[in-house]
Amino acid sequence: MTHATTLSGRLARAALALAGTAALVAGVLVPIGGAETAAEAATDLKGTLVLDPGTYNKTTKKYSGTIFRMLQPGGTDRYLVNADSSAPDKTYQLLKPGTDGGLQLGRYQRVPSKPFDANLNSLAKRITQPQKFFGTYWSPNTAPTDAQSGLPTPAPSLKLSGNKLTGDFSAWTPGWNGIYFNQGSPKPGDDKYPGYTSPLSGTYNKSTHKFKIRWRSLIVGGPFNNFTGEWTLEGVLADNTIGLKTAKKSVSVKRGKTAKVKATASNWTEKNLKKTKISISAPKNLRLKKKTASVSATKRGANKTVNLKLSVGKKAKKGKHKVQLIWKAGGKSISRTVTVRVR
């Protein structure tokens, strides 16, 4: 990760990675969730923070999802304009989840062996997809050694107390134009919260697995020295406790037709869904045309509605048949039984 740390001919190109709106009171980033009401033992969260893409609602005129903004030096409400932003307000950068679906807790998501292309666009795409900023694409990564300072950084972590989140994202480092900017919180080294850097704060719903996290991080050195990144991550936590639940225990179908089975797949990322098929174990007299069912997700998030199609043969025996759905992924196997009644 040794790259030039100076820019020639690209003085006003800005911004690295995602952020979002942050509540400001007298110039201070207000932690999500407010003050603690009761002392609770904090627990470590595990899994992948599956990111919602950054969006703008034309009706409410509000931004949500995963977004980034950059504060100008010395300002608490003066943001840098990104001419390449797709948002109506060009001070917002709307981000999209990467190939891993988002940020992995307890693990590093490093840059590829070739971190930048010939035009110095970032090629890292595991956490978020590269985004354009003044002609150059950037994206974040995490690694055990901070690429900017050379100091050690722990893997991203979150602690949950009640519904409130705290954590350590010190490894969060975007790459842009052949260089790196640490945008973590706390910062690596002795000065954990320089300038407008704020501790990471957020909320988490144990029932829906939805989270919202935000923080600020001062840029130290380089062409954006003393600018401050302002970040918001929203989405759901896929905690790797995978599940499969059928909507109905039985379905009815005519011979020669297709039985449609809906199921809920819990805590699966889009990447897992695309690579997974459900094996079907059924009696021979059902005369199924296929032994696997392709997975088609209709909802994003921790829980996804999965559509399965079972093609019954024209000579299938009438009556009830027990069909076993077997889903394998990540070294785990889940099986569910559905009764198919042929009429």
Protein backbone atom coordinates (compact mmCIF):
# COMPACT_ATOMS: atom_id res chain seq x y z
CA MET A 1 0.00 0.00 0.00
CA THR A 2 2.83 2.37 -0.67
CA HIS A 3 1.62 5.19 -2.85
CA ALA A 4 2.51 8.76 -3.43
CA THR A 5 0.99 11.05 -0.89
CA THR A 6 1.03 14.15 -2.99
CA LEU A 7 -1.28 15.27 -5.78
CA SER A 8 -0.07 17.14 -8.80
CA GLY A 9 -2.63 18.81 -10.97
CA ARG A 10 -5.64 17.64 -8.91
CA LEU A 11 -5.98 20.22 -6.21
CA ALA A 12 -9.73 20.42 -5.81
CA ARG A 13 -10.79 16.79 -6.07
CA ALA A 14 -12.55 15.71 -3.09
CA ALA A 15 -14.01 13.15 -0.96
CA LEU A 16 -13.67 9.64 -0.18
CA ALA A 17 -16.33 7.61 1.24
CA LEU A 18 -19.85 7.48 2.36
CA ALA A 19 -21.58 9.47 4.95
CA GLY A 20 -24.73 11.01 5.87
CA THR A 21 -26.64 13.54 7.61
CA ALA A 22 -25.84 14.11 11.23
CA ALA A 23 -27.86 15.98 13.79
CA LEU A 24 -26.11 19.18 14.78
CA VAL A 25 -26.69 21.07 17.99
CA ALA A 26 -24.41 24.08 18.46
CA GLY A 27 -21.94 22.46 16.07
CA VAL A 28 -21.80 19.16 17.94
CA LEU A 29 -22.66 15.78 16.41
CA VAL A 30 -25.42 14.41 18.66
CA PRO A 31 -25.07 10.67 19.36
CA ILE A 32 -27.98 8.62 18.05
CA GLY A 33 -30.27 7.39 20.82
CA GLY A 34 -29.58 10.13 23.36
CA ALA A 35 -28.24 9.65 26.86
CA GLU A 36 -28.06 6.25 28.55
CA THR A 37 -31.06 5.61 30.78
CA ALA A 38 -29.77 2.48 32.48
CA ALA A 39 -26.46 0.74 32.80
CA GLU A 40 -26.42 -2.49 30.82
CA ALA A 41 -23.68 -4.95 30.04
CA ALA A 42 -22.48 -4.34 26.50
CA THR A 43 -22.41 -7.28 24.09
CA ASP A 44 -20.27 -7.63 20.97
CA LEU A 45 -22.14 -7.80 17.66
CA LYS A 46 -20.93 -10.20 14.99
CA GLY A 47 -21.63 -10.56 11.30
CA THR A 48 -21.95 -8.21 8.33
CA LEU A 49 -23.47 -4.74 8.35
CA VAL A 50 -25.49 -5.12 5.14
CA LEU A 51 -25.68 -1.55 3.86
CA ASP A 52 -28.74 0.15 2.45
CA PRO A 53 -27.86 2.25 -0.61
CA GLY A 54 -27.98 6.00 -0.16
CA THR A 55 -31.26 7.47 -1.42
CA TYR A 56 -33.16 10.73 -1.68
CA ASN A 57 -36.92 10.82 -1.10
CA LYS A 58 -38.52 13.42 -3.35
CA THR A 59 -41.67 13.52 -1.24
CA THR A 60 -40.07 14.04 2.16
CA LYS A 61 -36.97 15.68 0.68
CA LYS A 62 -34.82 13.65 3.07
CA TYR A 63 -31.75 11.48 2.59
CA SER A 64 -31.35 8.01 4.05
CA GLY A 65 -29.19 4.93 3.73
CA THR A 66 -25.41 4.99 3.39
CA ILE A 67 -24.08 8.46 2.60
CA PHE A 68 -21.02 10.65 3.00
CA ARG A 69 -20.48 14.40 3.35
CA MET A 70 -17.34 16.44 3.92
CA LEU A 71 -17.14 19.46 6.21
CA GLN A 72 -14.86 22.28 5.17
CA PRO A 73 -12.05 23.28 7.56
CA GLY A 74 -13.31 25.07 10.66
CA GLY A 75 -16.95 24.65 9.73
CA THR A 76 -19.76 22.71 11.36
CA ASP A 77 -22.34 23.32 8.64
CA ARG A 78 -20.32 24.23 5.54
CA TYR A 79 -20.01 21.20 3.28
CA LEU A 80 -17.83 20.55 0.25
CA VAL A 81 -19.70 20.34 -3.06
CA ASN A 82 -19.08 17.18 -5.09
CA ALA A 83 -19.88 17.93 -8.72
CA ASP A 84 -20.04 14.19 -9.57
CA SER A 85 -22.64 13.37 -6.92
CA SER A 86 -25.90 11.80 -8.13
CA ALA A 87 -27.84 13.54 -5.33
CA PRO A 88 -29.87 16.73 -5.90
CA ASP A 89 -27.79 18.33 -3.15
CA LYS A 90 -24.22 17.87 -4.37
CA THR A 91 -22.83 17.95 -0.84
CA TYR A 92 -24.20 14.41 -0.40
CA GLN A 93 -22.51 11.30 -1.79
CA LEU A 94 -24.95 8.38 -2.17
CA LEU A 95 -23.19 5.05 -1.73
CA LYS A 96 -24.06 1.53 -2.83
CA PRO A 97 -23.14 -1.73 -1.06
CA GLY A 98 -20.14 -3.64 -2.42
CA THR A 99 -19.59 -7.30 -3.25
CA ASP A 100 -19.57 -8.33 0.44
CA GLY A 101 -22.85 -6.52 1.01
CA GLY A 102 -21.28 -4.09 3.45
CA LEU A 103 -18.90 -3.89 6.39
CA GLN A 104 -17.77 -7.09 8.11
CA LEU A 105 -17.34 -6.96 11.89
CA GLY A 106 -14.29 -8.66 13.37
CA ARG A 107 -12.66 -9.05 9.94
CA TYR A 108 -10.59 -6.97 7.57
CA GLN A 109 -11.71 -6.17 4.02
CA ARG A 110 -8.45 -5.24 2.35
CA VAL A 111 -7.74 -3.65 -0.99
CA PRO A 112 -7.13 -6.00 -3.95
CA SER A 113 -3.58 -6.78 -5.07
CA LYS A 114 -3.96 -3.92 -7.56
CA PRO A 115 -5.60 -1.17 -5.45
CA PHE A 116 -5.77 1.51 -8.17
CA ASP A 117 -6.06 1.47 -11.95
CA ALA A 118 -3.89 3.45 -14.38
CA ASN A 119 -6.02 6.56 -13.79
CA LEU A 120 -5.69 6.19 -9.99
CA ASN A 121 -9.32 5.13 -9.52
CA SER A 122 -9.83 2.93 -6.47
CA LEU A 123 -10.54 -0.73 -7.28
CA ALA A 124 -11.59 -1.79 -3.78
CA LYS A 125 -15.26 -2.82 -3.94
CA ARG A 126 -15.95 -5.18 -1.07
CA ILE A 127 -17.55 -2.70 1.35
CA THR A 128 -19.06 -0.18 -1.08
CA GLN A 129 -18.90 0.28 -4.82
CA PRO A 130 -16.37 2.88 -5.97
CA GLN A 131 -17.91 6.35 -6.31
CA LYS A 132 -16.81 9.24 -8.48
CA PHE A 133 -15.55 12.45 -6.96
CA PHE A 134 -14.28 15.15 -9.34
CA GLY A 135 -13.36 12.63 -12.00
CA THR A 136 -11.71 10.04 -9.73
CA TYR A 137 -13.31 7.02 -8.08
CA TRP A 138 -12.80 6.24 -4.38
CA SER A 139 -13.90 3.48 -1.99
CA PRO A 140 -13.15 2.37 1.60
CA ASN A 141 -11.24 -0.63 2.91
CA THR A 142 -10.11 -1.95 6.30
CA ALA A 143 -6.69 -3.42 7.11
CA PRO A 144 -4.62 -4.27 10.23
CA THR A 145 -2.15 -1.49 9.40
CA ASP A 146 -3.39 2.01 8.65
CA ALA A 147 -2.20 2.86 5.13
CA GLN A 148 -1.82 6.55 5.94
CA SER A 149 -0.03 6.50 9.30
CA GLY A 150 1.43 2.99 9.35
CA LEU A 151 -0.07 2.42 12.82
CA PRO A 152 -1.89 -0.80 13.80
CA THR A 153 -5.70 -0.78 13.73
CA PRO A 154 -8.13 -3.38 15.09
CA ALA A 155 -10.81 -4.96 12.92
CA PRO A 156 -14.14 -3.06 12.98
CA SER A 157 -16.21 -3.79 16.07
CA LEU A 158 -19.54 -2.79 17.61
CA LYS A 159 -20.89 -3.09 21.14
CA LEU A 160 -24.59 -3.09 21.97
CA SER A 161 -26.00 -1.80 25.27
CA GLY A 162 -29.78 -1.74 25.27
CA ASN A 163 -30.51 -0.42 21.79
CA LYS A 164 -27.43 1.82 21.61
CA LEU A 165 -24.27 1.16 19.64
CA THR A 166 -20.68 2.17 20.25
CA GLY A 167 -17.61 0.84 18.55
CA ASP A 168 -14.21 1.07 16.94
CA PHE A 169 -13.98 1.77 13.20
CA SER A 170 -10.38 3.04 13.33
CA ALA A 171 -9.46 0.81 10.37
CA TRP A 172 -11.95 2.57 8.03
CA THR A 173 -9.74 4.05 5.27
CA PRO A 174 -10.87 5.26 1.83
CA GLY A 175 -8.49 5.20 -1.11
CA TRP A 176 -8.69 7.99 -3.70
CA ASN A 177 -6.41 9.17 -6.48
CA GLY A 178 -3.62 6.80 -5.46
CA ILE A 179 -3.54 7.86 -1.79
CA TYR A 180 -5.30 6.95 1.46
CA PHE A 181 -7.12 8.96 4.12
CA ASN A 182 -7.93 7.46 7.48
CA GLN A 183 -11.57 8.20 8.23
CA GLY A 184 -12.02 6.01 11.25
CA SER A 185 -13.24 6.68 14.76
CA PRO A 186 -11.33 6.61 17.01
CA LYS A 187 -8.18 7.59 15.14
CA PRO A 188 -5.06 5.40 15.21
CA GLY A 189 -2.37 6.69 17.56
CA ASP A 190 -2.46 8.76 20.73
CA ASP A 191 -4.87 11.51 19.63
CA LYS A 192 -8.11 9.54 19.26
CA TYR A 193 -10.51 12.41 18.53
CA PRO A 194 -8.69 15.36 16.93
CA GLY A 195 -10.64 18.36 15.66
CA TYR A 196 -14.27 17.53 14.92
CA THR A 197 -13.72 13.76 15.09
CA SER A 198 -16.57 12.24 17.11
CA PRO A 199 -17.04 8.84 18.74
CA LEU A 200 -19.07 6.36 16.73
CA SER A 201 -22.70 6.16 17.90
CA GLY A 202 -25.83 4.46 16.70
CA THR A 203 -28.92 2.38 17.37
CA TYR A 204 -29.85 -1.26 16.72
CA ASN A 205 -33.23 -3.00 16.71
CA LYS A 206 -32.91 -6.60 17.90
CA SER A 207 -36.20 -7.62 16.28
CA THR A 208 -35.67 -6.18 12.79
CA HIS A 209 -31.83 -6.23 12.89
CA LYS A 210 -31.86 -2.67 11.54
CA PHE A 211 -29.03 -0.34 12.49
CA LYS A 212 -28.04 3.28 12.01
CA ILE A 213 -24.49 4.43 12.74
CA ARG A 214 -22.72 7.74 12.31
CA TRP A 215 -19.47 9.47 13.14
CA ARG A 216 -17.13 12.26 12.06
CA SER A 217 -13.44 11.91 11.31
CA LEU A 218 -10.85 14.62 10.75
CA ILE A 219 -8.57 14.28 7.73
CA VAL A 220 -4.97 14.71 8.82
CA GLY A 221 -2.47 15.58 6.10
CA GLY A 222 -2.73 15.46 2.31
CA PRO A 223 -4.76 17.73 0.03
CA PHE A 224 -7.81 17.62 2.33
CA ASN A 225 -5.95 18.40 5.53
CA ASN A 226 -8.36 19.67 8.24
CA PHE A 227 -11.48 18.71 6.27
CA THR A 228 -13.81 16.39 8.22
CA GLY A 229 -15.68 13.40 6.85
CA GLU A 230 -19.23 12.93 8.11
CA TRP A 231 -20.57 9.41 7.77
CA THR A 232 -23.91 7.62 8.11
CA LEU A 233 -24.35 3.87 7.64
CA GLU A 234 -27.84 2.33 7.59
CA GLY A 235 -28.97 -1.21 6.93
CA VAL A 236 -29.43 -4.55 8.65
CA LEU A 237 -27.07 -6.83 10.53
CA ALA A 238 -26.66 -10.29 9.01
CA ASP A 239 -25.32 -12.03 12.11
CA ASN A 240 -24.51 -15.27 10.27
CA THR A 241 -27.23 -17.17 12.14
CA ILE A 242 -28.84 -18.31 8.92
CA GLY A 243 -32.43 -19.45 8.78
CA LEU A 244 -35.07 -20.72 6.36
CA LYS A 245 -38.78 -20.63 7.12
CA THR A 246 -41.53 -21.60 4.70
CA ALA A 247 -44.57 -19.36 4.56
CA LYS A 248 -46.94 -22.38 4.35
CA LYS A 249 -46.50 -25.99 5.46
CA SER A 250 -48.49 -27.27 2.49
CA VAL A 251 -49.29 -26.27 -1.09
CA SER A 252 -51.78 -27.58 -3.64
CA VAL A 253 -51.04 -28.08 -7.34
CA LYS A 254 -52.48 -29.82 -10.42
CA ARG A 255 -50.50 -32.49 -12.26
CA GLY A 256 -48.20 -30.99 -14.87
CA LYS A 257 -48.24 -27.61 -13.18
CA THR A 258 -45.82 -25.68 -10.95
CA ALA A 259 -46.20 -25.44 -7.19
CA LYS A 260 -45.02 -22.12 -5.83
CA VAL A 261 -43.48 -22.11 -2.38
CA LYS A 262 -42.50 -18.94 -0.56
CA ALA A 263 -39.92 -18.98 2.20
CA THR A 264 -38.14 -16.43 4.37
CA ALA A 265 -34.35 -16.57 4.31
CA SER A 266 -32.95 -14.83 7.38
CA ASN A 267 -29.49 -13.28 7.66
CA TRP A 268 -28.29 -13.95 4.13
CA THR A 269 -26.40 -11.40 2.08
CA GLU A 270 -27.14 -10.89 -1.62
CA LYS A 271 -23.78 -12.52 -2.39
CA ASN A 272 -24.81 -15.72 -0.59
CA LEU A 273 -28.21 -15.77 -2.25
CA LYS A 274 -26.78 -15.50 -5.74
CA LYS A 275 -24.49 -18.49 -5.17
CA THR A 276 -27.03 -20.72 -3.44
CA LYS A 277 -29.57 -23.25 -4.66
CA ILE A 278 -31.96 -25.32 -2.61
CA SER A 279 -31.82 -29.06 -3.18
CA ILE A 280 -35.13 -30.92 -3.28
CA SER A 281 -35.69 -34.38 -1.83
CA ALA A 282 -39.07 -35.75 -2.95
CA PRO A 283 -40.81 -39.09 -3.63
CA LYS A 284 -40.32 -40.46 -7.16
CA ASN A 285 -44.06 -40.64 -7.78
CA LEU A 286 -44.22 -36.84 -7.56
CA ARG A 287 -42.26 -36.81 -10.84
CA LEU A 288 -40.50 -33.51 -10.18
CA LYS A 289 -38.81 -32.13 -13.30
CA LYS A 290 -35.95 -30.51 -11.36
CA LYS A 291 -34.06 -31.50 -8.21
CA THR A 292 -33.05 -27.97 -7.28
CA ALA A 293 -34.90 -24.70 -6.82
CA SER A 294 -33.28 -21.45 -7.84
CA VAL A 295 -33.33 -18.71 -5.23
CA SER A 296 -35.04 -15.45 -6.13
CA ALA A 297 -35.00 -12.78 -3.41
CA THR A 298 -37.72 -10.12 -3.48
CA LYS A 299 -36.69 -8.14 -0.39
CA ARG A 300 -33.41 -6.72 0.82
CA GLY A 301 -32.26 -6.84 4.39
CA ALA A 302 -31.80 -9.37 7.14
CA ASN A 303 -34.94 -11.24 6.05
CA LYS A 304 -35.57 -11.95 2.38
CA THR A 305 -38.64 -13.45 0.76
CA VAL A 306 -37.51 -16.36 -1.39
CA ASN A 307 -39.61 -17.78 -4.22
CA LEU A 308 -39.27 -21.50 -4.99
CA LYS A 309 -40.88 -23.34 -7.91
CA LEU A 310 -41.55 -27.09 -7.89
CA SER A 311 -42.48 -28.41 -11.35
CA VAL A 312 -44.77 -31.44 -10.89
CA GLY A 313 -44.89 -34.09 -13.61
CA LYS A 314 -48.02 -34.80 -15.66
CA LYS A 315 -48.05 -38.38 -14.37
CA ALA A 316 -47.53 -37.48 -10.72
CA LYS A 317 -49.57 -39.54 -8.29
CA LYS A 318 -52.49 -37.70 -6.78
CA GLY A 319 -52.44 -37.16 -3.05
CA LYS A 320 -50.05 -35.77 -0.46
CA HIS A 321 -46.26 -35.86 -0.87
CA LYS A 322 -43.60 -34.82 1.63
CA VAL A 323 -40.95 -32.62 -0.01
CA GLN A 324 -37.75 -31.70 1.80
CA LEU A 325 -35.99 -28.43 0.95
CA ILE A 326 -32.26 -28.52 1.74
CA TRP A 327 -30.26 -25.30 1.72
CA LYS A 328 -26.49 -25.45 2.10
CA ALA A 329 -24.14 -22.49 2.42
CA GLY A 330 -21.30 -21.33 4.62
CA GLY A 331 -20.67 -24.84 5.93
CA LYS A 332 -24.21 -25.05 7.33
CA SER A 333 -27.26 -26.96 6.20
CA ILE A 334 -30.92 -26.19 6.82
CA SER A 335 -33.82 -28.44 5.84
CA ARG A 336 -37.54 -27.72 5.85
CA THR A 337 -40.43 -30.03 4.91
CA VAL A 338 -43.40 -28.93 2.79
CA THR A 339 -46.43 -31.07 1.94
CA VAL A 340 -47.32 -30.92 -1.77
CA ARG A 341 -50.88 -32.05 -2.48
CA VAL A 342 -51.36 -33.11 -6.09
CA ARG A 343 -54.94 -32.95 -7.36
